[in-house]
Protein backbone atom coordinates (compact mmCIF):
# COMPACT_ATOMS: atom_id res chain seq x y z
CA UNK A 1 0.01 0.15 -0.06
CA UNK A 2 1.53 3.49 -1.03
CA UNK A 3 2.35 5.92 1.88
CA UNK A 4 0.33 8.99 0.94
CA UNK A 5 1.11 12.48 2.09
CA UNK A 6 -1.04 13.65 4.87
CA UNK A 7 -2.48 16.18 2.66
CA UNK A 8 -3.57 13.39 0.05
CA UNK A 9 -5.07 11.41 2.67
CA UNK A 10 -7.17 14.27 3.87
CA UNK A 11 -8.44 15.03 0.55
CA UNK A 12 -9.43 11.44 0.08
CA UNK A 13 -11.10 11.40 3.30
CA UNK A 14 -13.06 14.58 2.51
CA UNK A 15 -14.16 12.82 -0.77
CA UNK A 16 -15.38 9.73 0.80
CA UNK A 17 -16.70 10.70 4.43
CA UNK A 18 -17.55 14.53 3.82
CA UNK A 19 -15.63 17.57 5.20
CA UNK A 20 -14.78 17.01 8.88
CA UNK A 21 -15.05 19.87 11.40
CA UNK A 22 -14.56 19.39 15.16
CA UNK A 23 -14.69 21.57 18.22
CA UNK A 24 -11.40 22.14 20.12
CA UNK A 25 -10.33 18.93 21.92
CA UNK A 26 -11.95 18.53 25.17
CA UNK A 27 -13.40 22.05 24.97
CA UNK A 28 -17.04 20.69 26.21
CA UNK A 29 -16.83 20.52 30.09
CA UNK A 30 -19.11 20.23 32.97
CA UNK A 31 -20.77 23.91 32.40
CA UNK A 32 -21.85 22.64 29.00
CA UNK A 33 -23.42 19.54 30.41
CA UNK A 34 -25.65 21.55 32.80
CA UNK A 35 -29.47 20.87 32.85
CA UNK A 36 -31.38 23.03 30.39
CA UNK A 37 -28.22 24.33 28.85
CA UNK A 38 -28.00 24.98 25.28
CA UNK A 39 -24.27 24.99 23.62
CA UNK A 40 -23.91 25.85 20.15
CA UNK A 41 -21.21 23.85 18.62
CA UNK A 42 -20.98 24.64 14.86
CA UNK A 43 -21.95 27.49 12.64
CA UNK A 44 -23.71 26.42 9.39
CA UNK A 45 -23.53 29.03 6.53
CA UNK A 46 -25.69 28.08 3.13
CA UNK A 47 -27.08 24.67 2.71
CA UNK A 48 -25.03 21.48 3.66
CA UNK A 49 -25.79 17.81 3.80
CA UNK A 50 -25.00 16.57 7.34
CA UNK A 51 -23.79 12.95 7.02
CA UNK A 52 -22.35 12.25 10.54
CA UNK A 53 -22.32 13.89 13.82
CA UNK A 54 -21.27 12.91 17.36
CA UNK A 55 -19.87 14.00 20.72
CA UNK A 56 -17.13 11.98 22.12
CA UNK A 57 -16.47 12.06 25.70
CA UNK A 58 -12.86 12.65 26.47
CA UNK A 59 -13.13 12.39 30.21
CA UNK A 60 -15.78 10.05 31.88
CA UNK A 61 -19.16 11.15 32.92
CA UNK A 62 -20.26 11.09 36.45
CA UNK A 63 -23.23 9.17 37.96
CA UNK A 64 -25.89 12.12 37.08
CA UNK A 65 -28.40 10.99 34.61
CA UNK A 66 -27.71 13.69 31.93
CA UNK A 67 -29.29 13.48 28.41
CA UNK A 68 -28.32 15.20 25.30
CA UNK A 69 -30.29 16.42 22.26
CA UNK A 70 -28.95 18.04 18.88
CA UNK A 71 -30.57 20.73 17.27
CA UNK A 72 -30.32 23.49 14.75
CA UNK A 73 -31.45 27.30 14.82
CA UNK A 74 -31.10 29.95 12.13
CA UNK A 75 -30.62 33.56 12.58
CA UNK A 76 -30.66 34.48 8.94
CA UNK A 77 -33.76 34.11 8.31
CA UNK A 78 -34.97 33.72 11.95
CA UNK A 79 -35.91 30.06 12.26
CA UNK A 80 -36.45 28.88 15.85
CA UNK A 81 -34.76 25.78 17.50
CA UNK A 82 -35.32 22.59 15.52
CA UNK A 83 -34.76 19.16 17.27
CA UNK A 84 -32.48 16.89 14.82
CA UNK A 85 -33.57 13.90 16.70
CA UNK A 86 -34.61 12.67 20.23
CA UNK A 87 -32.49 12.87 23.28
CA UNK A 88 -29.96 10.06 23.97
CA UNK A 89 -30.29 7.79 26.97
CA UNK A 90 -28.52 8.89 30.17
CA UNK A 91 -24.79 9.19 29.74
CA UNK A 92 -24.36 8.35 33.69
CA UNK A 93 -20.93 6.81 34.47
CA UNK A 94 -20.02 6.48 30.60
CA UNK A 95 -16.40 6.16 30.05
CA UNK A 96 -14.01 8.38 28.03
CA UNK A 97 -14.31 7.72 24.23
CA UNK A 98 -18.07 6.84 24.55
CA UNK A 99 -19.96 8.62 21.70
CA UNK A 100 -23.29 10.27 21.52
CA UNK A 101 -24.20 9.65 18.13
CA UNK A 102 -26.70 11.39 15.91
CA UNK A 103 -27.93 8.68 13.35
CA UNK A 104 -29.94 10.88 10.87
CA UNK A 105 -33.07 9.54 9.54
CA UNK A 106 -36.36 10.46 11.10
CA UNK A 107 -36.27 13.59 13.53
CA UNK A 108 -38.00 11.49 16.19
CA UNK A 109 -35.05 9.00 16.21
CA UNK A 110 -33.17 9.01 19.49
CA UNK A 111 -29.52 9.74 19.46
CA UNK A 112 -27.43 6.76 20.27
CA UNK A 113 -24.79 5.89 22.94
CA UNK A 114 -22.04 3.78 21.58
CA UNK A 115 -21.88 0.30 23.06
CA UNK A 116 -18.62 0.94 24.58
CA UNK A 117 -15.70 3.41 24.73
CA UNK A 118 -13.75 3.34 21.45
CA UNK A 119 -16.40 1.60 19.38
CA UNK A 120 -19.07 3.10 17.46
CA UNK A 121 -21.54 0.45 16.43
CA UNK A 122 -24.14 2.99 14.78
CA UNK A 123 -23.57 5.64 12.17
CA UNK A 124 -25.77 8.05 10.46
CA UNK A 125 -27.76 7.18 7.44
CA UNK A 126 -25.23 8.76 5.16
CA UNK A 127 -25.83 9.19 1.21
CA UNK A 128 -27.19 5.95 0.79
CA UNK A 129 -29.77 6.44 3.55
CA UNK A 130 -31.54 9.61 5.05
CA UNK A 131 -29.12 12.51 5.86
CA UNK A 132 -30.30 15.76 6.90
CA UNK A 133 -30.02 19.02 4.74
CA UNK A 134 -29.55 21.92 6.94
CA UNK A 135 -29.86 25.72 5.81
CA UNK A 136 -30.44 26.95 2.45
CA UNK A 137 -30.35 30.15 -0.02
CA UNK A 138 -32.84 33.08 -0.16
CA UNK A 139 -34.46 33.95 -3.41
CA UNK A 140 -31.71 36.27 -4.03
CA UNK A 141 -28.97 33.63 -3.62
CA UNK A 142 -27.84 34.63 -0.22
CA UNK A 143 -26.83 31.83 2.16
CA UNK A 144 -28.58 31.31 5.32
CA UNK A 145 -26.80 31.47 8.75
CA UNK A 146 -27.39 29.27 11.65
CA UNK A 147 -25.94 26.87 14.31
CA UNK A 148 -26.00 23.37 15.28
CA UNK A 149 -26.03 22.89 19.23
CA UNK A 150 -26.76 20.40 21.93
CA UNK A 151 -29.49 20.90 24.51
CA UNK A 152 -28.77 19.25 27.95
CA UNK A 153 -31.69 17.76 30.00
CA UNK A 154 -32.65 15.66 32.97
CA UNK A 155 -29.47 16.21 35.28
CA UNK A 156 -26.35 18.23 35.32
CA UNK A 157 -22.97 16.78 35.22
CA UNK A 158 -20.95 17.83 38.27
CA UNK A 159 -17.75 15.94 37.73
CA UNK A 160 -14.78 16.43 35.42
CA UNK A 161 -16.49 15.40 32.10
CA UNK A 162 -15.07 16.84 28.92
CA UNK A 163 -16.04 16.20 25.31
CA UNK A 164 -15.17 17.06 21.75
CA UNK A 165 -17.82 17.57 18.96
CA UNK A 166 -17.40 16.37 15.39
CA UNK A 167 -19.46 16.71 12.11
CA UNK A 168 -18.99 15.43 8.67
CA UNK A 169 -20.96 17.12 5.89
CA UNK A 170 -21.05 18.11 2.19
CA UNK A 171 -21.52 21.61 1.04
CA UNK A 172 -24.76 21.95 -1.15
CA UNK A 173 -24.77 25.72 -2.15
CA UNK A 174 -22.19 28.12 -3.36
CA UNK A 175 -19.94 29.36 -0.46
CA UNK A 176 -21.73 26.80 2.01
CA UNK A 177 -19.53 25.71 4.92
CA UNK A 178 -19.57 24.60 8.59
CA UNK A 179 -17.24 25.82 11.14
CA UNK A 180 -16.61 25.07 14.94
CA UNK A 181 -17.70 27.77 17.42
CA UNK A 182 -15.63 26.45 20.25
């Protein structure tokens, strides 16, 4: 197998899995896992097709029964909070490298916690299934602007939890992109 340069490997990955954007490593901390807290993770400009999204714990969760729900909101034009799925099961006592995974498809589908740390046994629907299309363009061809965030419910994490958010997407309008907010 040839040893491709890192830039070549990155381009191949973009073509196969979509563009990858992540928050800062371990930037999500206990304050972001507070009951009723909304944390905006990514900016979305224009229309994108979301192929995969997950938040990976980089330090273990405590025993509190915290749940997470992903959503999108648009400011230009104003579109209120729109759930991208049902909240996941409790993350209580989940270890580092457990992932809260958005699986696409029908909006009422619950986000899934990985079976164990370091192994994701479910993925989003992707191109062959039912990805989500976010954002758009106005009649004048101006890109919409919004965010993808996470809403915490049921309990607050009081321990030393930390996490990193990831998305994989395909731009679908001229100038469309996603960028990390944290």
